[in-house]
Protein backbone atom coordinates (compact mmCIF):
# COMPACT_ATOMS: atom_id res chain seq x y z
CA MET A 1 5.42 28.40 -5.44
CA GLU A 2 5.22 29.69 -8.57
CA ASN A 3 5.32 29.09 -12.32
CA TRP A 4 6.83 30.85 -15.25
CA TRP A 5 3.09 31.71 -16.30
CA GLY A 6 2.38 32.71 -12.29
CA ASP A 7 -0.13 29.74 -11.86
CA THR A 8 0.28 28.96 -8.05
CA SER A 9 -2.25 25.28 -9.02
CA MET A 10 0.16 22.29 -8.87
CA ASN A 11 1.36 23.15 -5.11
CA CYS A 12 -2.88 23.55 -4.24
CA ILE A 13 -3.49 22.43 -0.94
CA CYS A 14 -6.32 20.37 -2.70
CA LEU A 15 -3.19 18.29 -4.46
CA LYS A 16 -1.83 17.58 -0.74
CA LYS A 17 -5.86 16.75 1.03
CA ARG A 18 -4.57 12.44 0.11
CA ASP A 19 -3.01 10.69 -2.10
CA ILE A 20 -5.66 9.56 -5.08
CA ALA A 21 -6.50 6.40 -4.01
CA SER A 22 -8.96 3.74 -2.57
CA PHE A 23 -9.34 3.42 1.38
CA LYS A 24 -8.10 0.67 2.99
CA ASP A 25 -11.80 0.36 5.58
CA TRP A 26 -14.16 1.74 6.51
CA GLN A 27 -12.89 4.45 9.38
CA ASP A 28 -10.59 5.59 6.58
CA TYR A 29 -13.40 6.30 4.44
CA PHE A 30 -15.27 8.24 7.34
CA GLN A 31 -12.40 10.42 8.74
CA PHE A 32 -11.46 11.25 4.94
CA ALA A 33 -15.37 12.30 4.63
CA GLU A 34 -15.64 14.26 7.60
CA SER A 35 -12.69 16.11 6.88
CA LEU A 36 -14.30 17.29 3.96
CA GLU A 37 -17.18 17.98 5.81
CA HIS A 38 -14.74 20.51 7.63
CA SER A 39 -12.86 21.82 4.65
CA GLU A 40 -12.54 25.06 4.31
CA SER A 41 -11.28 25.07 0.46
CA LEU A 42 -13.19 22.19 -1.08
CA LYS A 43 -17.41 22.87 -1.03
CA GLU A 44 -19.82 20.24 -1.84
CA ILE A 45 -20.58 20.58 -6.14
CA PRO A 46 -23.89 18.51 -7.89
CA VAL A 47 -22.47 15.18 -9.10
CA SER A 48 -23.05 15.24 -12.99
CA CYS A 49 -21.79 11.94 -14.31
CA LEU A 50 -21.44 8.63 -11.61
CA TYR A 51 -18.14 6.38 -11.34
CA ALA A 52 -20.12 3.69 -11.81
CA ASP A 53 -23.83 3.66 -12.47
CA VAL A 54 -24.83 0.65 -9.43
CA GLY A 55 -25.49 2.96 -6.79
CA LEU A 56 -22.78 3.74 -4.91
CA ILE A 57 -23.00 6.92 -3.15
CA GLU A 58 -20.80 9.60 -4.79
CA THR A 59 -20.44 13.28 -3.80
CA TRP A 60 -18.22 16.19 -5.89
CA PHE A 61 -16.23 18.95 -4.24
CA GLU A 62 -14.47 22.00 -6.21
CA CYS A 63 -11.33 23.55 -4.92
CA THR A 64 -11.85 26.70 -3.92
CA ASN A 65 -8.86 27.54 -5.04
CA CYS A 66 -7.83 25.66 -7.60
CA HIS A 67 -11.25 25.33 -9.42
CA ARG A 68 -9.97 21.42 -9.43
CA LYS A 69 -13.26 18.89 -9.00
CA TRP A 70 -12.76 15.73 -7.16
CA ARG A 71 -15.02 13.06 -6.65
CA LEU A 72 -15.63 10.74 -3.45
CA VAL A 73 -16.91 7.28 -4.05
CA GLU A 74 -18.10 5.06 -1.26
CA PRO A 75 -16.76 2.14 -0.42
CA ASP A 76 -19.02 -1.68 -1.42
CA PRO A 77 -16.86 -4.15 -0.55
CA PRO A 78 -15.33 -5.63 -2.93
CA PHE A 79 -14.47 -2.09 -4.05
CA LYS A 80 -12.87 0.13 -1.68
CA GLY A 81 -14.17 3.29 -2.69
CA ILE A 82 -12.05 6.04 -4.35
CA TRP A 83 -11.01 9.65 -4.08
CA GLU A 84 -9.49 10.40 -7.12
CA GLU A 85 -9.35 14.41 -9.13
CA ILE A 86 -12.43 14.25 -12.24
CA LYS A 87 -10.42 15.37 -15.39
């Protein structure tokens, strides 16, 4: 659905890929990470600013449709990882 200036990015598929949240367990994380590897609309890009400088494994993605950027941070218990939009 377009808004009044013709922008469809508010309904982009990247916003529906997963709720912005942490992961319930390792299986949840690995399933989501694998889905990103096969995604047509989310492509890996270089990380330019780490979420936390404590050695967490982090990957960034950019949506090829709306150009939003997303970060995926691997869990490191008790930290449950995160999938969030980079603003």
